[in-house]
Structure formats: structure tokens, C-alpha cells
């Protein structure tokens, strides 16, 4: 049947002889029309046509703004904004769960295995975790970890993060930042809320060499600038040598904000170790630093003279003294006259108040053990007023249990308290204006006593470097016992030098350990295992 249907001349599908030219003309016209009007290309399935993200006005709700901006930028699959998960309480199995599950329970668990597997994979999907304020549910902190942040994502952040008025911290961990994206992220920070400041920076395991350490040292402080927000810096597992350690030591000369520094697992030898130990005790100022100190002192003196009242003139003329009859009277005589006039003109109400206060004091004395906090003790100064213009560190209190380990809750809480004090200091005094000591025509400035934790484990330090740190720890121990150290920081509380190029039985190392244990009340109980185990390899 198929052969008969396709016979020539009988098939209805066979074109007529006169229609060949017409069909050819039609196809040519179609080609000409196709050239004039380009065909529209539809977007792939699952993706919408990207819109202009600049037309969107952010509302201040991160979940809504980020999703809308990602959609307008052409993202089909983008990270979701979710609340930061909290640790679940410990699960205690009940007695009923110890029994064997029934047949229906086994079937139910088999059917739910697929959904549970999918939920496990959903857990590892990229997300933006947020910490919310309990009152108004506004975003306080942002956590991004485990997925690469591209430049286009940073462009979206530059639009949706500035409207967040309560944003205080952005935590990035293993996000694959490059030189380009890091520059874009740094440019983003000034656009965000004024409460954001880089306080904790971890550059661990990033192949940082001496040149990178030089840039970091300059970021800590220079002669004309100083970082006042960075509290902790982790540079462990890098390729920093003696030159890089010297650059970081130069940054610590005028820095009075950094509390925690880790240079563990690097290539630092004795020369770099001696430079780090030198800035932690009184060191000699360079010529440029002496010149800058004199300039600051002159500027400070001129400001004080401009603030003083114009009436306090030192060189009064003789005629002015003759005109004023009280100019020749001594200040002691004037004080006596003033006291007499005050005693003669004291109103009765004030005398009654004094009598009442005396009666109250007598009642408190009779009460015995229930003394008032103000009785017999000097009035304590307001810490906000006393610490104005200076960076103060809270006093350590002994705690129960074992000593702290690196990264535990006690260390974090201590750093947070210290960070708050650093942030509350309205005016930080320039270290060049600190009291100096002159020896043999040289100017020596007090060393950096703000740094509390220094980790130099697994470097290449020998007995020569240990001698430098022994001198530093001895000086700081004497300084903390002196009367001048009643206020403000007192120096290192934790120094890790284990697993370097010296013997564990080295007497210098043993002396450093004993001094550190006597200085730090928290670690008095038991030295940490990582500090007590030293290696000569």
C-alpha cells in the first residue's frame, strides 16, 4: 500500500510543475525578512531574563533584597538567607527507645531515608547565615563560610548591606578571596554601617611571605598612622621569616590596640625573635621618631596655651599691681579670710544637714558588719572617666578548673571585654607622647605592654632568641610589681615558644615558663600540654 500511495503523478503531496518558482521566491523573501529582523533568543528553562539591579530600591530586609537582586542579576540558583543555627541540646535516649522497632516503624524509616538523605545534602548547600536582634529582628551579624564569593556577589552585597543599620560584624571563612575580590570587599566596608570595624583577622595558611608581612606591619602602625580596631591577628602556617617578623615588630612599636598575635608554624629564627622581644620592653627611638615626638609635644603645648584663659598673665605691670590692692596679699591670707567668711555665713540648713549626716554615720558604725561600701574606703573612680584617653585592660581574676586553651570561651570573653574597652576609649594617646627615659644621650620609650598573647610555636628559634624573651618577661614582671603599674596594661600573659630549635631542658626556657606561670593567675593551675612539650627538631 505504501508503494501504491507513492506512485508518481497520483500522490496528492507531489508539487505541481508551476509552483517550483513560486516556492523559491517565497523562501528568498523569507531569508530577506530573517536578515532584517533578528530572531529573539529565549532564555534557558529555569532562568529569567536578567533585569537591571540598579532599578531596585532595597528595603532593609536582607532576605528579600538579596533574593531580588540575585534574580535581577541573572542568578537561577543563589544562596539563601537563613538564621544561624543553634547547637541542639544533648539527646538522651529513653527506655522505650531501647526496644526493637515494630514492622511499621521499619517501613516508615525506609520510606523516610530518601528525605533524610536530601536534608543532609541541603545542609551543605551555600547559605548566608544571619544573627538577628531579639527585639526588632534586624540583622546584627552575617556568617559566610565554605563557598566562593565572586565579584558579582560582592556587587550585590554593596547594594543590600548598607541599608542594614544594626549590622555589626561580617564573618568570612574559606570564601576563596582573591586580590580583586579582597579589594572589592575592602571598598564595601565604608558603605556599611558605621558600627562595622575589622577587629579579628585570620590569615592562617595563606602562603604569606616577608613582603606580605611588611604590608601587615605597615597596617598595624606607621609614624603617622595607627590601627585602633584590630584586636586579634592570626598569621600561623605561613612563610614568614626574620625579615617579615621584623616588619611586624616595627608595626607593634606604636600600636596599642592588638591583644592577640599568632606567628606559629613559620620560619622565624633568632633575629626575628629578638626584634619581637625588643619592642615588648623599653626600646630606643630612631631619629625620625624623636623628631616626630618633638613636633607632637610642640603641637600639644600650643593647644594647651590656646585653651588657657586670657586673664592668666604672668607679666603684670607695676601700675596694675598698684591699682589692685589685693595683688600684694599672699594667697594663704586670702584663703584664711575666705574660710572665716564661710564659717560665719553658713546657713542653718547646712548645719542641720551636717548633723543628720553625722547621725547616719554613727548608726552605720553601730550596725557592725553591715558597713556601707563608702565607709572607711576611698571613693572609686569612674572607669569611664579614669580610662579616658588611655587604653586599659581588665584585671585578670583566677578561675576554677583547668587553664584556658587557645580558642576557648574564656579567651573569647576576655578578648571581647578588652575590645570593648579599646572601643570605648574616646581618645587614644599617641605612644610617642608617653613618658620617656634618657640614657647616654639616647631616648628610650616604654615597650608595648598591650599585647597579651604571643604564639611563636614551631619556628626556628634557638637559645639566643630565648635570651631576648627572658629579658622581656623579667622586665614586664618587675613592671607589674611596681607602683606605676596599678593602672593600664602590664604585658604578656601567654607566651608560646614550644617546639622550636632548643632543648626542652633548656634553663632559659624553664625560667620563662616559671615567670609566665607566676604572672598569669589563670594558667597557674597547670601548664598546657602544648607549652610543656618542646622539641629540638
Foldseek 3Di string as FASTA:
>chain_A
DVVVCPDPPNHPPDDDPPCPVVVVVVVVVVVVVCVVDPDDDADDPQWDDAADLVVDAADQDLQVLLVVSCNNVTDSDDAGEEADDDDDDDDDDDPVVVDDDDPVVVVVVVVCPVVVVVVVVVVLDWHWHFHADPPPRATAEIEGEDEADDPVNLVSCLRNAASRQNYAYYHYYHRPDDPVNVVSVVVSVVSHHPNYDAAEEEPEQPQDELVNLLVVLVQCDDLVDHDLRHAEYHHENYAYELNSLLSNLNSQLFHQRYAYYEHAHYAYEQNSLLSNLQQLFWDFDDPVLVVSLVVVVVVVVVVVVVPDDPVPDDDDDPVVCVVDVCNPPDPVVVVVVVVVVCVVPPDPVVVVVVVVVVVVVVVQVVVPPPHDPPPPDDDDDDCLVVCAQAQAADDDDADDDAFDDPPDPVVVVRSVVSSVSSVSHPHHDGQSNDDWDDDPNTIIGGHHQNHAYYHHHQYAYEVSSLVSNLVSLVNLLVVCPDPVNPTGGRHYLYYAYAAYQYDLPDVSLVSSVVSSLVVHNHNVVDHDPNRSHHDND
